[in-house]
Amino acid sequence: MSSSCPRPQAITKLADDLFEKAIEVSANLHNRVTKAQAVKLLRELHQNDKIKERVAGQSPFASRYLGHLLKLRLLLGKQVVYHALQGPSQDATPETLTALRHEIEQLQGQLSSTKGDEKKARASLAALEAKPRLSALRRDIERLEEEKEEIQARLGFLHDSDTVQISLEERSKLEEERRQWQRQAAIRRRICRDLWGRCTEVLPDNTSSPELWESLGLEGTLQ
């Protein structure tokens, strides 16, 4: 901290150099305002507490108000500096800077943690969006159940019929189709059960799983 701040002696010397090189207000205004008029206006502003008046060369003033200076060389040879009004010095103490630095580190840590949580939440959301919707699963299950019943009815008719003869190849094909649809039904049922489990994890306190199932118009079980 101390190595980056200019020393009071350097500030005073710089301010004094500025005082020596400053030109008159009337010259800055290209002589459109006379020196007497400038003195009068500046003094009136000072008397009305609009600006502050100080005699040039005062070290405390130079160290605090450097950069807000307006210099006027009076006819009497005295140099006066006018500057904007400023409140009490609010320079941060080392303790304040340490506390601020600690707070910034804490906030940065919280930000990193929040970003990590956001990334996990987005990944979970993407995984959920990639899975079929509950309504689509419901329609697929109903369709598979109907197809299963139809195939079982066909198989039962073929087994019970004495007049209809089917080859081993056709029977094997039918059996393979039935097993395929059973596998599809099992996969869909497992996906539906997993999705339902996620839904029931975030149920409100006043809602039970059976009530949610009934409110969605679902039938059957997930077993």
C-alpha atoms as a PDB file:
ATOM      1  CA  MET A   1       0.000   0.000   0.000  1.00  0.00           C
ATOM      2  CA  SER A   2       2.655   2.521   1.096  1.00  0.00           C
ATOM      3  CA  SER A   3       4.878   1.872  -1.945  1.00  0.00           C
ATOM      4  CA  SER A   4       2.112   2.811  -4.390  1.00  0.00           C
ATOM      5  CA  CYS A   5       1.080   6.076  -2.687  1.00  0.00           C
ATOM      6  CA  PRO A   6       3.066   9.307  -3.304  1.00  0.00           C
ATOM      7  CA  ARG A   7       4.789  10.874  -0.298  1.00  0.00           C
ATOM      8  CA  PRO A   8       3.401  14.097   1.207  1.00  0.00           C
ATOM      9  CA  GLN A   9       6.640  15.935   0.250  1.00  0.00           C
ATOM     10  CA  ALA A  10       6.261  14.884  -3.389  1.00  0.00           C
ATOM     11  CA  ILE A  11       2.614  15.978  -3.418  1.00  0.00           C
ATOM     12  CA  THR A  12       3.512  19.352  -1.919  1.00  0.00           C
ATOM     13  CA  LYS A  13       6.313  19.892  -4.422  1.00  0.00           C
ATOM     14  CA  LEU A  14       4.021  18.929  -7.309  1.00  0.00           C
ATOM     15  CA  ALA A  15       1.314  21.284  -6.078  1.00  0.00           C
ATOM     16  CA  ASP A  16       3.829  24.127  -5.693  1.00  0.00           C
ATOM     17  CA  ASP A  17       5.067  23.519  -9.242  1.00  0.00           C
ATOM     18  CA  LEU A  18       1.490  23.701 -10.483  1.00  0.00           C
ATOM     19  CA  PHE A  19       0.983  26.946  -8.594  1.00  0.00           C
ATOM     20  CA  GLU A  20       4.059  28.451 -10.243  1.00  0.00           C
ATOM     21  CA  LYS A  21       3.008  27.377 -13.751  1.00  0.00           C
ATOM     22  CA  ALA A  22      -0.693  28.235 -13.437  1.00  0.00           C
ATOM     23  CA  ILE A  23      -2.009  31.121 -15.478  1.00  0.00           C
ATOM     24  CA  GLU A  24      -4.587  33.694 -14.547  1.00  0.00           C
ATOM     25  CA  VAL A  25      -8.313  32.955 -14.775  1.00  0.00           C
ATOM     26  CA  SER A  26      -8.818  35.951 -17.012  1.00  0.00           C
ATOM     27  CA  ALA A  27      -6.175  34.623 -19.433  1.00  0.00           C
ATOM     28  CA  ASN A  28      -7.880  31.219 -19.485  1.00  0.00           C
ATOM     29  CA  LEU A  29     -11.044  33.007 -20.524  1.00  0.00           C
ATOM     30  CA  HIS A  30      -9.202  34.780 -23.359  1.00  0.00           C
ATOM     31  CA  ASN A  31      -9.556  38.146 -21.581  1.00  0.00           C
ATOM     32  CA  ARG A  32     -13.310  38.194 -22.070  1.00  0.00           C
ATOM     33  CA  VAL A  33     -13.607  38.431 -18.290  1.00  0.00           C
ATOM     34  CA  THR A  34     -11.327  40.935 -16.597  1.00  0.00           C
ATOM     35  CA  LYS A  35      -9.167  40.030 -13.646  1.00  0.00           C
ATOM     36  CA  ALA A  36     -11.273  42.211 -11.350  1.00  0.00           C
ATOM     37  CA  GLN A  37     -14.470  40.532 -12.511  1.00  0.00           C
ATOM     38  CA  ALA A  38     -12.914  37.084 -12.007  1.00  0.00           C
ATOM     39  CA  VAL A  39     -11.821  38.004  -8.461  1.00  0.00           C
ATOM     40  CA  LYS A  40     -15.287  39.310  -7.631  1.00  0.00           C
ATOM     41  CA  LEU A  41     -17.089  36.254  -9.029  1.00  0.00           C
ATOM     42  CA  LEU A  42     -14.815  33.778  -7.295  1.00  0.00           C
ATOM     43  CA  ARG A  43     -15.101  35.578  -3.964  1.00  0.00           C
ATOM     44  CA  GLU A  44     -18.871  35.681  -4.248  1.00  0.00           C
ATOM     45  CA  LEU A  45     -18.931  31.945  -4.918  1.00  0.00           C
ATOM     46  CA  HIS A  46     -16.701  31.430  -1.917  1.00  0.00           C
ATOM     47  CA  GLN A  47     -18.879  33.615   0.315  1.00  0.00           C
ATOM     48  CA  ASN A  48     -21.981  31.697  -0.832  1.00  0.00           C
ATOM     49  CA  ASP A  49     -20.274  28.398   0.099  1.00  0.00           C
ATOM     50  CA  LYS A  50     -20.222  27.246  -3.521  1.00  0.00           C
ATOM     51  CA  ILE A  51     -16.443  26.840  -3.691  1.00  0.00           C
ATOM     52  CA  LYS A  52     -13.538  26.952  -1.224  1.00  0.00           C
ATOM     53  CA  GLU A  53     -10.775  29.559  -1.097  1.00  0.00           C
ATOM     54  CA  ARG A  54      -7.266  28.827   0.137  1.00  0.00           C
ATOM     55  CA  VAL A  55      -3.946  30.577  -0.049  1.00  0.00           C
ATOM     56  CA  ALA A  56      -1.546  28.754  -2.385  1.00  0.00           C
ATOM     57  CA  GLY A  57       1.325  26.791  -0.862  1.00  0.00           C
ATOM     58  CA  GLN A  58      -0.543  25.286   2.098  1.00  0.00           C
ATOM     59  CA  SER A  59       0.642  21.708   2.272  1.00  0.00           C
ATOM     60  CA  PRO A  60      -2.451  20.123   3.879  1.00  0.00           C
ATOM     61  CA  PHE A  61      -4.580  21.637   1.138  1.00  0.00           C
ATOM     62  CA  ALA A  62      -2.220  20.505  -1.606  1.00  0.00           C
ATOM     63  CA  SER A  63      -2.166  16.924  -0.390  1.00  0.00           C
ATOM     64  CA  ARG A  64      -5.967  16.660  -0.183  1.00  0.00           C
ATOM     65  CA  TYR A  65      -7.307  18.760  -3.049  1.00  0.00           C
ATOM     66  CA  LEU A  66      -4.722  18.254  -5.786  1.00  0.00           C
ATOM     67  CA  GLY A  67      -6.574  17.787  -9.053  1.00  0.00           C
ATOM     68  CA  HIS A  68      -9.452  20.140  -8.112  1.00  0.00           C
ATOM     69  CA  LEU A  69      -7.528  23.401  -8.373  1.00  0.00           C
ATOM     70  CA  LEU A  70      -8.342  26.779  -9.854  1.00  0.00           C
ATOM     71  CA  LYS A  71      -5.633  29.382  -9.280  1.00  0.00           C
ATOM     72  CA  LEU A  72      -5.942  33.154  -9.413  1.00  0.00           C
ATOM     73  CA  ARG A  73      -3.063  35.600  -9.117  1.00  0.00           C
ATOM     74  CA  LEU A  74      -4.381  38.711  -7.417  1.00  0.00           C
ATOM     75  CA  LEU A  75      -3.198  42.249  -8.033  1.00  0.00           C
ATOM     76  CA  LEU A  76      -1.545  42.317  -4.612  1.00  0.00           C
ATOM     77  CA  GLY A  77       0.791  39.475  -5.588  1.00  0.00           C
ATOM     78  CA  LYS A  78      -0.902  36.929  -3.323  1.00  0.00           C
ATOM     79  CA  GLN A  79      -1.876  33.636  -4.955  1.00  0.00           C
ATOM     80  CA  VAL A  80      -5.226  32.110  -4.051  1.00  0.00           C
ATOM     81  CA  VAL A  81      -6.497  28.671  -4.985  1.00  0.00           C
ATOM     82  CA  TYR A  82     -10.207  27.935  -5.423  1.00  0.00           C
ATOM     83  CA  HIS A  83     -11.500  24.367  -5.398  1.00  0.00           C
ATOM     84  CA  ALA A  84     -14.768  22.475  -5.275  1.00  0.00           C
ATOM     85  CA  LEU A  85     -16.313  21.706  -1.911  1.00  0.00           C
ATOM     86  CA  GLN A  86     -15.443  18.278  -0.567  1.00  0.00           C
ATOM     87  CA  GLY A  87     -16.527  16.349   2.482  1.00  0.00           C
ATOM     88  CA  PRO A  88     -14.248  14.913   5.131  1.00  0.00           C
ATOM     89  CA  SER A  89     -11.551  12.597   3.970  1.00  0.00           C
ATOM     90  CA  GLN A  90     -12.815   9.075   3.501  1.00  0.00           C
ATOM     91  CA  ASP A  91      -9.502   7.411   2.794  1.00  0.00           C
ATOM     92  CA  ALA A  92      -9.700   3.701   3.490  1.00  0.00           C
ATOM     93  CA  THR A  93      -7.645   2.423   6.407  1.00  0.00           C
ATOM     94  CA  PRO A  94      -5.559  -0.764   6.081  1.00  0.00           C
ATOM     95  CA  GLU A  95      -8.108  -2.537   8.265  1.00  0.00           C
ATOM     96  CA  THR A  96     -10.953  -1.482   5.966  1.00  0.00           C
ATOM     97  CA  LEU A  97      -9.056  -2.592   2.865  1.00  0.00           C
ATOM     98  CA  THR A  98      -8.270  -5.958   4.473  1.00  0.00           C
ATOM     99  CA  ALA A  99     -11.930  -6.458   5.355  1.00  0.00           C
ATOM    100  CA  LEU A 100     -12.996  -5.534   1.816  1.00  0.00           C
ATOM    101  CA  ARG A 101     -10.429  -7.885   0.333  1.00  0.00           C
ATOM    102  CA  HIS A 102     -11.667 -10.693   2.579  1.00  0.00           C
ATOM    103  CA  GLU A 103     -15.270 -10.004   1.593  1.00  0.00           C
ATOM    104  CA  ILE A 104     -14.355 -10.022  -2.108  1.00  0.00           C
ATOM    105  CA  GLU A 105     -12.641 -13.402  -1.693  1.00  0.00           C
ATOM    106  CA  GLN A 106     -15.712 -14.792   0.061  1.00  0.00           C
ATOM    107  CA  LEU A 107     -18.014 -13.503  -2.689  1.00  0.00           C
ATOM    108  CA  GLN A 108     -15.751 -14.946  -5.373  1.00  0.00           C
ATOM    109  CA  GLY A 109     -15.878 -18.313  -3.619  1.00  0.00           C
ATOM    110  CA  GLN A 110     -19.655 -18.140  -3.399  1.00  0.00           C
ATOM    111  CA  LEU A 111     -19.811 -17.212  -7.090  1.00  0.00           C
ATOM    112  CA  SER A 112     -17.690 -20.221  -8.052  1.00  0.00           C
ATOM    113  CA  SER A 113     -19.888 -22.500  -5.945  1.00  0.00           C
ATOM    114  CA  THR A 114     -23.045 -21.030  -7.477  1.00  0.00           C
ATOM    115  CA  LYS A 115     -21.667 -21.533 -10.987  1.00  0.00           C
ATOM    116  CA  GLY A 116     -20.896 -25.163 -10.134  1.00  0.00           C
ATOM    117  CA  ASP A 117     -24.446 -25.701  -8.853  1.00  0.00           C
ATOM    118  CA  GLU A 118     -25.833 -24.055 -11.977  1.00  0.00           C
ATOM    119  CA  LYS A 119     -23.774 -26.365 -14.183  1.00  0.00           C
ATOM    120  CA  LYS A 120     -25.056 -29.442 -12.329  1.00  0.00           C
ATOM    121  CA  ALA A 121     -28.635 -28.192 -12.526  1.00  0.00           C
ATOM    122  CA  ARG A 122     -28.337 -27.601 -16.268  1.00  0.00           C
ATOM    123  CA  ALA A 123     -26.914 -31.095 -16.752  1.00  0.00           C
ATOM    124  CA  SER A 124     -29.796 -32.621 -14.778  1.00  0.00           C
ATOM    125  CA  LEU A 125     -32.303 -30.587 -16.772  1.00  0.00           C
ATOM    126  CA  ALA A 126     -30.749 -31.687 -20.062  1.00  0.00           C
ATOM    127  CA  ALA A 127     -30.900 -35.325 -18.936  1.00  0.00           C
ATOM    128  CA  LEU A 128     -34.573 -34.959 -18.039  1.00  0.00           C
ATOM    129  CA  GLU A 129     -35.387 -33.260 -21.333  1.00  0.00           C
ATOM    130  CA  ALA A 130     -33.669 -36.076 -23.224  1.00  0.00           C
ATOM    131  CA  LYS A 131     -36.018 -38.642 -21.685  1.00  0.00           C
ATOM    132  CA  PRO A 132     -39.502 -39.271 -23.056  1.00  0.00           C
ATOM    133  CA  ARG A 133     -42.366 -37.342 -21.514  1.00  0.00           C
ATOM    134  CA  LEU A 134     -44.715 -39.125 -19.167  1.00  0.00           C
ATOM    135  CA  SER A 135     -47.649 -38.681 -21.570  1.00  0.00           C
ATOM    136  CA  ALA A 136     -45.638 -40.209 -24.435  1.00  0.00           C
ATOM    137  CA  LEU A 137     -44.619 -43.156 -22.259  1.00  0.00           C
ATOM    138  CA  ARG A 138     -48.233 -43.666 -21.271  1.00  0.00           C
ATOM    139  CA  ARG A 139     -49.339 -43.826 -24.929  1.00  0.00           C
ATOM    140  CA  ASP A 140     -46.486 -46.194 -25.821  1.00  0.00           C
ATOM    141  CA  ILE A 141     -47.335 -48.523 -22.944  1.00  0.00           C
ATOM    142  CA  GLU A 142     -50.974 -48.625 -23.961  1.00  0.00           C
ATOM    143  CA  ARG A 143     -50.026 -49.345 -27.567  1.00  0.00           C
ATOM    144  CA  LEU A 144     -47.611 -52.107 -26.556  1.00  0.00           C
ATOM    145  CA  GLU A 145     -50.199 -53.648 -24.275  1.00  0.00           C
ATOM    146  CA  GLU A 146     -52.706 -53.744 -27.134  1.00  0.00           C
ATOM    147  CA  GLU A 147     -50.157 -55.278 -29.493  1.00  0.00           C
ATOM    148  CA  LYS A 148     -49.179 -57.800 -26.858  1.00  0.00           C
ATOM    149  CA  GLU A 149     -52.805 -58.845 -26.360  1.00  0.00           C
ATOM    150  CA  GLU A 150     -53.261 -59.125 -30.104  1.00  0.00           C
ATOM    151  CA  ILE A 151     -50.202 -61.351 -30.499  1.00  0.00           C
ATOM    152  CA  GLN A 152     -51.215 -63.508 -27.535  1.00  0.00           C
ATOM    153  CA  ALA A 153     -54.676 -63.908 -29.022  1.00  0.00           C
ATOM    154  CA  ARG A 154     -53.174 -64.980 -32.334  1.00  0.00           C
ATOM    155  CA  LEU A 155     -50.881 -67.451 -30.614  1.00  0.00           C
ATOM    156  CA  GLY A 156     -53.734 -68.845 -28.558  1.00  0.00           C
ATOM    157  CA  PHE A 157     -55.853 -69.319 -31.642  1.00  0.00           C
ATOM    158  CA  LEU A 158     -53.043 -71.071 -33.443  1.00  0.00           C
ATOM    159  CA  HIS A 159     -52.353 -73.378 -30.492  1.00  0.00           C
ATOM    160  CA  ASP A 160     -56.018 -74.277 -30.021  1.00  0.00           C
ATOM    161  CA  SER A 161     -56.870 -74.734 -33.716  1.00  0.00           C
ATOM    162  CA  ASP A 162     -56.735 -78.268 -35.104  1.00  0.00           C
ATOM    163  CA  THR A 163     -57.311 -77.236 -38.678  1.00  0.00           C
ATOM    164  CA  VAL A 164     -54.680 -74.522 -39.004  1.00  0.00           C
ATOM    165  CA  GLN A 165     -51.160 -75.687 -39.376  1.00  0.00           C
ATOM    166  CA  ILE A 166     -48.196 -73.324 -39.116  1.00  0.00           C
ATOM    167  CA  SER A 167     -44.610 -74.042 -39.831  1.00  0.00           C
ATOM    168  CA  LEU A 168     -41.871 -74.003 -37.260  1.00  0.00           C
ATOM    169  CA  GLU A 169     -40.344 -71.020 -39.019  1.00  0.00           C
ATOM    170  CA  GLU A 170     -43.531 -68.965 -38.702  1.00  0.00           C
ATOM    171  CA  ARG A 171     -44.008 -70.014 -35.093  1.00  0.00           C
ATOM    172  CA  SER A 172     -40.406 -69.021 -34.322  1.00  0.00           C
ATOM    173  CA  LYS A 173     -40.977 -65.659 -35.987  1.00  0.00           C
ATOM    174  CA  LEU A 174     -44.077 -65.005 -33.913  1.00  0.00           C
ATOM    175  CA  GLU A 175     -42.309 -65.949 -30.720  1.00  0.00           C
ATOM    176  CA  GLU A 176     -39.434 -63.617 -31.564  1.00  0.00           C
ATOM    177  CA  GLU A 177     -41.850 -60.745 -32.180  1.00  0.00           C
ATOM    178  CA  ARG A 178     -43.513 -61.370 -28.841  1.00  0.00           C
ATOM    179  CA  ARG A 179     -40.174 -61.368 -26.995  1.00  0.00           C
ATOM    180  CA  GLN A 180     -39.133 -58.172 -28.791  1.00  0.00           C
ATOM    181  CA  TRP A 181     -42.286 -56.352 -27.754  1.00  0.00           C
ATOM    182  CA  GLN A 182     -41.909 -57.626 -24.203  1.00  0.00           C
ATOM    183  CA  ARG A 183     -38.379 -56.209 -24.077  1.00  0.00           C
ATOM    184  CA  GLN A 184     -39.616 -52.876 -25.412  1.00  0.00           C
ATOM    185  CA  ALA A 185     -42.391 -52.812 -22.852  1.00  0.00           C
ATOM    186  CA  ALA A 186     -39.924 -53.561 -20.035  1.00  0.00           C
ATOM    187  CA  ILE A 187     -37.595 -50.754 -21.171  1.00  0.00           C
ATOM    188  CA  ARG A 188     -40.439 -48.262 -21.396  1.00  0.00           C
ATOM    189  CA  ARG A 189     -41.748 -49.335 -18.011  1.00  0.00           C
ATOM    190  CA  ARG A 190     -38.301 -48.857 -16.435  1.00  0.00           C
ATOM    191  CA  ILE A 191     -37.953 -45.373 -17.950  1.00  0.00           C
ATOM    192  CA  CYS A 192     -41.428 -44.441 -16.792  1.00  0.00           C
ATOM    193  CA  ARG A 193     -40.710 -45.716 -13.276  1.00  0.00           C
ATOM    194  CA  ASP A 194     -37.462 -43.715 -13.109  1.00  0.00           C
ATOM    195  CA  LEU A 195     -39.172 -40.538 -14.322  1.00  0.00           C
ATOM    196  CA  TRP A 196     -42.020 -41.045 -11.859  1.00  0.00           C
ATOM    197  CA  GLY A 197     -39.517 -41.440  -9.044  1.00  0.00           C
ATOM    198  CA  ARG A 198     -37.964 -38.084  -9.901  1.00  0.00           C
ATOM    199  CA  CYS A 199     -41.406 -36.469  -9.943  1.00  0.00           C
ATOM    200  CA  THR A 200     -42.315 -37.803  -6.516  1.00  0.00           C
ATOM    201  CA  GLU A 201     -39.072 -36.487  -4.995  1.00  0.00           C
ATOM    202  CA  VAL A 202     -40.279 -32.882  -5.343  1.00  0.00           C
ATOM    203  CA  LEU A 203     -43.915 -33.323  -4.339  1.00  0.00           C
ATOM    204  CA  PRO A 204     -45.486 -30.648  -2.111  1.00  0.00           C
ATOM    205  CA  ASP A 205     -46.121 -31.663   1.497  1.00  0.00           C
ATOM    206  CA  ASN A 206     -49.877 -31.755   0.942  1.00  0.00           C
ATOM    207  CA  THR A 207     -49.726 -34.085  -2.090  1.00  0.00           C
ATOM    208  CA  SER A 208     -49.074 -37.828  -2.066  1.00  0.00           C
ATOM    209  CA  SER A 209     -47.845 -40.046  -4.879  1.00  0.00           C
ATOM    210  CA  PRO A 210     -51.235 -41.771  -5.398  1.00  0.00           C
ATOM    211  CA  GLU A 211     -52.973 -38.391  -5.523  1.00  0.00           C
ATOM    212  CA  LEU A 212     -50.554 -37.146  -8.194  1.00  0.00           C
ATOM    213  CA  TRP A 213     -50.982 -40.395 -10.165  1.00  0.00           C
ATOM    214  CA  GLU A 214     -54.754 -40.039 -10.084  1.00  0.00           C
ATOM    215  CA  SER A 215     -54.669 -36.304 -10.936  1.00  0.00           C
ATOM    216  CA  LEU A 216     -52.662 -37.090 -14.091  1.00  0.00           C
ATOM    217  CA  GLY A 217     -55.267 -39.615 -15.190  1.00  0.00           C
ATOM    218  CA  LEU A 218     -52.791 -42.520 -15.145  1.00  0.00           C
ATOM    219  CA  GLU A 219     -53.936 -46.103 -14.913  1.00  0.00           C
ATOM    220  CA  GLY A 220     -52.290 -49.313 -13.810  1.00  0.00           C
ATOM    221  CA  THR A 221     -49.082 -49.494 -11.767  1.00  0.00           C
ATOM    222  CA  LEU A 222     -45.379 -49.074 -12.366  1.00  0.00           C
ATOM    223  CA  GLN A 223     -44.497 -52.445 -10.854  1.00  0.00           C
END
